[in-house]
Amino acid sequence: MATTIQISENLLEKLKNKKLFEKESYEEVIWDLMEDSMELSEDTKKNIAQSEKDIKEGRVVSLEDIKKRKKNVPC
């Protein structure tokens, strides 16, 4: 169910400035802002910890290496 809300001109301008692209809805802008303050899920926290461990233990591939590999792969 859609609804309307009243906001000040000042807030409207601030929301306009938060848009990533012109056709982005204000609902998308608001969800993006809310996401920034939401708690990370336990799975996400676990994945971040694993990624940090992988980095510390050298299990990474540089962007340069990936680009080199891509050039060497026949299309």
PDB file of N, CA and C in Angstrom:
ATOM      1  N   MET A   1       0.832  -1.170   0.000  1.00  0.00           N
ATOM      2  CA  MET A   1       0.000   0.000   0.000  1.00  0.00           C
ATOM      3  C   MET A   1       0.883   1.242   0.000  1.00  0.00           C
ATOM      4  N   ALA A   2       0.698   2.109  -0.954  1.00  0.00           N
ATOM      5  CA  ALA A   2       1.466   3.345  -1.039  1.00  0.00           C
ATOM      6  C   ALA A   2       0.802   4.418  -0.189  1.00  0.00           C
ATOM      7  N   THR A   3       1.603   5.348   0.266  1.00  0.00           N
ATOM      8  CA  THR A   3       1.080   6.445   1.069  1.00  0.00           C
ATOM      9  C   THR A   3       1.881   7.701   0.732  1.00  0.00           C
ATOM     10  N   THR A   4       1.414   8.827   1.159  1.00  0.00           N
ATOM     11  CA  THR A   4       2.150  10.067   0.961  1.00  0.00           C
ATOM     12  C   THR A   4       2.596  10.593   2.314  1.00  0.00           C
ATOM     13  N   ILE A   5       3.682  11.344   2.303  1.00  0.00           N
ATOM     14  CA  ILE A   5       4.170  11.971   3.525  1.00  0.00           C
ATOM     15  C   ILE A   5       4.449  13.440   3.233  1.00  0.00           C
ATOM     16  N   GLN A   6       4.405  14.246   4.258  1.00  0.00           N
ATOM     17  CA  GLN A   6       4.725  15.660   4.111  1.00  0.00           C
ATOM     18  C   GLN A   6       6.119  15.903   4.647  1.00  0.00           C
ATOM     19  N   ILE A   7       6.930  16.585   3.844  1.00  0.00           N
ATOM     20  CA  ILE A   7       8.283  16.956   4.261  1.00  0.00           C
ATOM     21  C   ILE A   7       8.536  18.404   3.893  1.00  0.00           C
ATOM     22  N   SER A   8       9.487  18.993   4.544  1.00  0.00           N
ATOM     23  CA  SER A   8       9.813  20.391   4.265  1.00  0.00           C
ATOM     24  C   SER A   8      10.576  20.504   2.939  1.00  0.00           C
ATOM     25  N   GLU A   9      10.599  21.689   2.396  1.00  0.00           N
ATOM     26  CA  GLU A   9      11.361  21.951   1.164  1.00  0.00           C
ATOM     27  C   GLU A   9      12.851  21.670   1.396  1.00  0.00           C
ATOM     28  N   ASN A  10      13.323  21.994   2.588  1.00  0.00           N
ATOM     29  CA  ASN A  10      14.724  21.762   2.937  1.00  0.00           C
ATOM     30  C   ASN A  10      15.066  20.272   2.859  1.00  0.00           C
ATOM     31  N   LEU A  11      14.219  19.421   3.454  1.00  0.00           N
ATOM     32  CA  LEU A  11      14.441  17.983   3.416  1.00  0.00           C
ATOM     33  C   LEU A  11      14.320  17.454   1.992  1.00  0.00           C
ATOM     34  N   LEU A  12      13.373  17.967   1.232  1.00  0.00           N
ATOM     35  CA  LEU A  12      13.214  17.553  -0.164  1.00  0.00           C
ATOM     36  C   LEU A  12      14.500  17.813  -0.949  1.00  0.00           C
ATOM     37  N   GLU A  13      15.100  18.961  -0.752  1.00  0.00           N
ATOM     38  CA  GLU A  13      16.358  19.278  -1.444  1.00  0.00           C
ATOM     39  C   GLU A  13      17.479  18.338  -1.018  1.00  0.00           C
ATOM     40  N   LYS A  14      17.530  18.030   0.267  1.00  0.00           N
ATOM     41  CA  LYS A  14      18.560  17.105   0.754  1.00  0.00           C
ATOM     42  C   LYS A  14      18.360  15.709   0.157  1.00  0.00           C
ATOM     43  N   LEU A  15      17.109  15.256   0.048  1.00  0.00           N
ATOM     44  CA  LEU A  15      16.835  13.960  -0.560  1.00  0.00           C
ATOM     45  C   LEU A  15      17.195  13.961  -2.045  1.00  0.00           C
ATOM     46  N   LYS A  16      16.902  15.055  -2.726  1.00  0.00           N
ATOM     47  CA  LYS A  16      17.269  15.160  -4.146  1.00  0.00           C
ATOM     48  C   LYS A  16      18.779  15.016  -4.319  1.00  0.00           C
ATOM     49  N   ASN A  17      19.527  15.601  -3.421  1.00  0.00           N
ATOM     50  CA  ASN A  17      20.989  15.545  -3.510  1.00  0.00           C
ATOM     51  C   ASN A  17      21.536  14.153  -3.209  1.00  0.00           C
ATOM     52  N   LYS A  18      20.750  13.314  -2.543  1.00  0.00           N
ATOM     53  CA  LYS A  18      21.180  11.953  -2.212  1.00  0.00           C
ATOM     54  C   LYS A  18      20.937  10.965  -3.351  1.00  0.00           C
ATOM     55  N   LYS A  19      20.165  11.361  -4.350  1.00  0.00           N
ATOM     56  CA  LYS A  19      19.855  10.459  -5.456  1.00  0.00           C
ATOM     57  C   LYS A  19      21.131  10.083  -6.199  1.00  0.00           C
ATOM     58  N   LEU A  20      21.270   8.797  -6.517  1.00  0.00           N
ATOM     59  CA  LEU A  20      22.423   8.320  -7.267  1.00  0.00           C
ATOM     60  C   LEU A  20      22.223   8.523  -8.759  1.00  0.00           C
ATOM     61  N   PHE A  21      20.967   8.549  -9.199  1.00  0.00           N
ATOM     62  CA  PHE A  21      20.645   8.818 -10.594  1.00  0.00           C
ATOM     63  C   PHE A  21      19.304   9.538 -10.639  1.00  0.00           C
ATOM     64  N   GLU A  22      19.044  10.249 -11.717  1.00  0.00           N
ATOM     65  CA  GLU A  22      17.896  11.145 -11.798  1.00  0.00           C
ATOM     66  C   GLU A  22      16.557  10.451 -11.568  1.00  0.00           C
ATOM     67  N   LYS A  23      16.390   9.255 -12.107  1.00  0.00           N
ATOM     68  CA  LYS A  23      15.103   8.556 -12.030  1.00  0.00           C
ATOM     69  C   LYS A  23      14.929   7.746 -10.740  1.00  0.00           C
ATOM     70  N   GLU A  24      15.905   7.802  -9.841  1.00  0.00           N
ATOM     71  CA  GLU A  24      15.798   7.057  -8.589  1.00  0.00           C
ATOM     72  C   GLU A  24      14.633   7.605  -7.770  1.00  0.00           C
ATOM     73  N   SER A  25      13.817   6.714  -7.223  1.00  0.00           N
ATOM     74  CA  SER A  25      12.665   7.148  -6.429  1.00  0.00           C
ATOM     75  C   SER A  25      13.122   7.595  -5.040  1.00  0.00           C
ATOM     76  N   TYR A  26      12.271   8.395  -4.409  1.00  0.00           N
ATOM     77  CA  TYR A  26      12.593   8.819  -3.050  1.00  0.00           C
ATOM     78  C   TYR A  26      12.530   7.635  -2.089  1.00  0.00           C
ATOM     79  N   GLU A  27      11.693   6.652  -2.390  1.00  0.00           N
ATOM     80  CA  GLU A  27      11.665   5.457  -1.547  1.00  0.00           C
ATOM     81  C   GLU A  27      13.026   4.763  -1.572  1.00  0.00           C
ATOM     82  N   GLU A  28      13.626   4.646  -2.767  1.00  0.00           N
ATOM     83  CA  GLU A  28      14.951   4.029  -2.870  1.00  0.00           C
ATOM     84  C   GLU A  28      15.990   4.835  -2.088  1.00  0.00           C
ATOM     85  N   VAL A  29      15.904   6.144  -2.176  1.00  0.00           N
ATOM     86  CA  VAL A  29      16.841   7.004  -1.444  1.00  0.00           C
ATOM     87  C   VAL A  29      16.693   6.777   0.062  1.00  0.00           C
ATOM     88  N   ILE A  30      15.460   6.733   0.528  1.00  0.00           N
ATOM     89  CA  ILE A  30      15.209   6.543   1.962  1.00  0.00           C
ATOM     90  C   ILE A  30      15.686   5.171   2.421  1.00  0.00           C
ATOM     91  N   TRP A  31      15.424   4.116   1.624  1.00  0.00           N
ATOM     92  CA  TRP A  31      15.912   2.777   1.991  1.00  0.00           C
ATOM     93  C   TRP A  31      17.427   2.756   2.067  1.00  0.00           C
ATOM     94  N   ASP A  32      18.104   3.416   1.121  1.00  0.00           N
ATOM     95  CA  ASP A  32      19.564   3.477   1.155  1.00  0.00           C
ATOM     96  C   ASP A  32      20.054   4.155   2.430  1.00  0.00           C
ATOM     97  N   LEU A  33      19.394   5.227   2.818  1.00  0.00           N
ATOM     98  CA  LEU A  33      19.772   5.926   4.050  1.00  0.00           C
ATOM     99  C   LEU A  33      19.526   5.057   5.274  1.00  0.00           C
ATOM    100  N   MET A  34      18.425   4.331   5.285  1.00  0.00           N
ATOM    101  CA  MET A  34      18.114   3.456   6.419  1.00  0.00           C
ATOM    102  C   MET A  34      19.103   2.300   6.490  1.00  0.00           C
ATOM    103  N   GLU A  35      19.501   1.789   5.346  1.00  0.00           N
ATOM    104  CA  GLU A  35      20.434   0.669   5.318  1.00  0.00           C
ATOM    105  C   GLU A  35      21.750   1.028   5.993  1.00  0.00           C
ATOM    106  N   ASP A  36      22.161   2.278   5.836  1.00  0.00           N
ATOM    107  CA  ASP A  36      23.415   2.730   6.448  1.00  0.00           C
ATOM    108  C   ASP A  36      23.390   2.625   7.971  1.00  0.00           C
ATOM    109  N   SER A  37      22.206   2.652   8.566  1.00  0.00           N
ATOM    110  CA  SER A  37      22.121   2.604  10.029  1.00  0.00           C
ATOM    111  C   SER A  37      21.646   1.251  10.556  1.00  0.00           C
ATOM    112  N   MET A  38      21.431   0.297   9.663  1.00  0.00           N
ATOM    113  CA  MET A  38      20.944  -1.024  10.089  1.00  0.00           C
ATOM    114  C   MET A  38      22.097  -1.907  10.542  1.00  0.00           C
ATOM    115  N   GLU A  39      21.776  -2.835  11.406  1.00  0.00           N
ATOM    116  CA  GLU A  39      22.756  -3.789  11.928  1.00  0.00           C
ATOM    117  C   GLU A  39      23.074  -4.825  10.859  1.00  0.00           C
ATOM    118  N   LEU A  40      24.331  -5.223  10.787  1.00  0.00           N
ATOM    119  CA  LEU A  40      24.734  -6.269   9.853  1.00  0.00           C
ATOM    120  C   LEU A  40      24.233  -7.623  10.356  1.00  0.00           C
ATOM    121  N   SER A  41      23.847  -8.502   9.424  1.00  0.00           N
ATOM    122  CA  SER A  41      23.406  -9.835   9.815  1.00  0.00           C
ATOM    123  C   SER A  41      24.605 -10.644  10.309  1.00  0.00           C
ATOM    124  N   GLU A  42      24.329 -11.713  11.032  1.00  0.00           N
ATOM    125  CA  GLU A  42      25.401 -12.572  11.545  1.00  0.00           C
ATOM    126  C   GLU A  42      26.193 -13.194  10.393  1.00  0.00           C
ATOM    127  N   ASP A  43      25.504 -13.567   9.301  1.00  0.00           N
ATOM    128  CA  ASP A  43      26.206 -14.123   8.138  1.00  0.00           C
ATOM    129  C   ASP A  43      27.169 -13.099   7.539  1.00  0.00           C
ATOM    130  N   THR A  44      26.716 -11.862   7.439  1.00  0.00           N
ATOM    131  CA  THR A  44      27.569 -10.813   6.885  1.00  0.00           C
ATOM    132  C   THR A  44      28.781 -10.590   7.778  1.00  0.00           C
ATOM    133  N   LYS A  45      28.576 -10.542   9.088  1.00  0.00           N
ATOM    134  CA  LYS A  45      29.694 -10.377  10.022  1.00  0.00           C
ATOM    135  C   LYS A  45      30.688 -11.530   9.887  1.00  0.00           C
ATOM    136  N   LYS A  46      30.174 -12.746   9.744  1.00  0.00           N
ATOM    137  CA  LYS A  46      31.024 -13.924   9.580  1.00  0.00           C
ATOM    138  C   LYS A  46      31.828 -13.830   8.285  1.00  0.00           C
ATOM    139  N   ASN A  47      31.168 -13.415   7.188  1.00  0.00           N
ATOM    140  CA  ASN A  47      31.855 -13.285   5.904  1.00  0.00           C
ATOM    141  C   ASN A  47      32.935 -12.199   5.932  1.00  0.00           C
ATOM    142  N   ILE A  48      32.674 -11.115   6.623  1.00  0.00           N
ATOM    143  CA  ILE A  48      33.667 -10.042   6.755  1.00  0.00           C
ATOM    144  C   ILE A  48      34.875 -10.558   7.533  1.00  0.00           C
ATOM    145  N   ALA A  49      34.625 -11.269   8.629  1.00  0.00           N
ATOM    146  CA  ALA A  49      35.726 -11.813   9.430  1.00  0.00           C
ATOM    147  C   ALA A  49      36.570 -12.785   8.604  1.00  0.00           C
ATOM    148  N   GLN A  50      35.907 -13.635   7.815  1.00  0.00           N
ATOM    149  CA  GLN A  50      36.636 -14.580   6.966  1.00  0.00           C
ATOM    150  C   GLN A  50      37.460 -13.836   5.910  1.00  0.00           C
ATOM    151  N   SER A  51      36.895 -12.806   5.330  1.00  0.00           N
ATOM    152  CA  SER A  51      37.621 -12.018   4.337  1.00  0.00           C
ATOM    153  C   SER A  51      38.846 -11.342   4.942  1.00  0.00           C
ATOM    154  N   GLU A  52      38.686 -10.801   6.136  1.00  0.00           N
ATOM    155  CA  GLU A  52      39.823 -10.176   6.816  1.00  0.00           C
ATOM    156  C   GLU A  52      40.924 -11.201   7.085  1.00  0.00           C
ATOM    157  N   LYS A  53      40.527 -12.407   7.477  1.00  0.00           N
ATOM    158  CA  LYS A  53      41.490 -13.480   7.717  1.00  0.00           C
ATOM    159  C   LYS A  53      42.202 -13.850   6.419  1.00  0.00           C
ATOM    160  N   ASP A  54      41.452 -13.971   5.333  1.00  0.00           N
ATOM    161  CA  ASP A  54      42.045 -14.283   4.028  1.00  0.00           C
ATOM    162  C   ASP A  54      43.072 -13.229   3.624  1.00  0.00           C
ATOM    163  N   ILE A  55      42.756 -11.969   3.855  1.00  0.00           N
ATOM    164  CA  ILE A  55      43.681 -10.880   3.510  1.00  0.00           C
ATOM    165  C   ILE A  55      44.953 -10.996   4.346  1.00  0.00           C
ATOM    166  N   LYS A  56      44.810 -11.180   5.652  1.00  0.00           N
ATOM    167  CA  LYS A  56      45.970 -11.290   6.537  1.00  0.00           C
ATOM    168  C   LYS A  56      46.865 -12.472   6.163  1.00  0.00           C
ATOM    169  N   GLU A  57      46.243 -13.562   5.684  1.00  0.00           N
ATOM    170  CA  GLU A  57      46.997 -14.764   5.349  1.00  0.00           C
ATOM    171  C   GLU A  57      47.416 -14.814   3.879  1.00  0.00           C
ATOM    172  N   GLY A  58      47.193 -13.710   3.169  1.00  0.00           N
ATOM    173  CA  GLY A  58      47.692 -13.600   1.800  1.00  0.00           C
ATOM    174  C   GLY A  58      46.876 -14.311   0.742  1.00  0.00           C
ATOM    175  N   ARG A  59      45.669 -14.714   1.060  1.00  0.00           N
ATOM    176  CA  ARG A  59      44.818 -15.380   0.075  1.00  0.00           C
ATOM    177  C   ARG A  59      44.012 -14.338  -0.691  1.00  0.00           C
ATOM    178  N   VAL A  60      44.739 -13.536  -1.460  1.00  0.00           N
ATOM    179  CA  VAL A  60      44.116 -12.469  -2.247  1.00  0.00           C
ATOM    180  C   VAL A  60      44.716 -12.463  -3.648  1.00  0.00           C
ATOM    181  N   VAL A  61      44.004 -11.850  -4.580  1.00  0.00           N
ATOM    182  CA  VAL A  61      44.496 -11.660  -5.940  1.00  0.00           C
ATOM    183  C   VAL A  61      44.340 -10.180  -6.249  1.00  0.00           C
ATOM    184  N   SER A  62      45.403  -9.566  -6.735  1.00  0.00           N
ATOM    185  CA  SER A  62      45.350  -8.139  -7.027  1.00  0.00           C
ATOM    186  C   SER A  62      44.526  -7.882  -8.295  1.00  0.00           C
ATOM    187  N   LEU A  63      44.012  -6.686  -8.402  1.00  0.00           N
ATOM    188  CA  LEU A  63      43.258  -6.288  -9.588  1.00  0.00           C
ATOM    189  C   LEU A  63      44.134  -6.393 -10.833  1.00  0.00           C
ATOM    190  N   GLU A  64      45.399  -6.047 -10.697  1.00  0.00           N
ATOM    191  CA  GLU A  64      46.325  -6.130 -11.832  1.00  0.00           C
ATOM    192  C   GLU A  64      46.448  -7.573 -12.328  1.00  0.00           C
ATOM    193  N   ASP A  65      46.540  -8.533 -11.392  1.00  0.00           N
ATOM    194  CA  ASP A  65      46.624  -9.944 -11.776  1.00  0.00           C
ATOM    195  C   ASP A  65      45.352 -10.417 -12.474  1.00  0.00           C
ATOM    196  N   ILE A  66      44.222  -9.965 -12.001  1.00  0.00           N
ATOM    197  CA  ILE A  66      42.959 -10.343 -12.635  1.00  0.00           C
ATOM    198  C   ILE A  66      42.898  -9.789 -14.057  1.00  0.00           C
ATOM    199  N   LYS A  67      43.356  -8.546 -14.237  1.00  0.00           N
ATOM    200  CA  LYS A  67      43.367  -7.958 -15.578  1.00  0.00           C
ATOM    201  C   LYS A  67      44.288  -8.734 -16.508  1.00  0.00           C
ATOM    202  N   LYS A  68      45.446  -9.150 -15.994  1.00  0.00           N
ATOM    203  CA  LYS A  68      46.378  -9.943 -16.808  1.00  0.00           C
ATOM    204  C   LYS A  68      45.745 -11.272 -17.204  1.00  0.00           C
ATOM    205  N   ARG A  69      45.097 -11.919 -16.248  1.00  0.00           N
ATOM    206  CA  ARG A  69      44.445 -13.203 -16.543  1.00  0.00           C
ATOM    207  C   ARG A  69      43.359 -13.039 -17.609  1.00  0.00           C
ATOM    208  N   LYS A  70      42.612 -11.965 -17.495  1.00  0.00           N
ATOM    209  CA  LYS A  70      41.529 -11.720 -18.434  1.00  0.00           C
ATOM    210  C   LYS A  70      42.070 -11.539 -19.854  1.00  0.00           C
ATOM    211  N   LYS A  71      43.212 -10.849 -19.988  1.00  0.00           N
ATOM    212  CA  LYS A  71      43.814 -10.638 -21.305  1.00  0.00           C
ATOM    213  C   LYS A  71      44.275 -11.952 -21.920  1.00  0.00           C
ATOM    214  N   ASN A  72      44.664 -12.911 -21.087  1.00  0.00           N
ATOM    215  CA  ASN A  72      45.196 -14.188 -21.563  1.00  0.00           C
ATOM    216  C   ASN A  72      44.125 -15.232 -21.841  1.00  0.00           C
ATOM    217  N   VAL A  73      42.866 -14.917 -21.539  1.00  0.00           N
ATOM    218  CA  VAL A  73      41.770 -15.872 -21.767  1.00  0.00           C
ATOM    219  C   VAL A  73      41.196 -15.635 -23.155  1.00  0.00           C
ATOM    220  N   PRO A  74      41.208 -16.675 -24.015  1.00  0.00           N
ATOM    221  CA  PRO A  74      40.644 -16.497 -25.355  1.00  0.00           C
ATOM    222  C   PRO A  74      39.133 -16.315 -25.289  1.00  0.00           C
ATOM    223  N   CYS A  75      38.628 -15.491 -26.164  1.00  0.00           N
ATOM    224  CA  CYS A  75      37.181 -15.224 -26.194  1.00  0.00           C
ATOM    225  C   CYS A  75      36.445 -16.254 -27.009  1.00  0.00           C
TER     226      CYS A  75
END
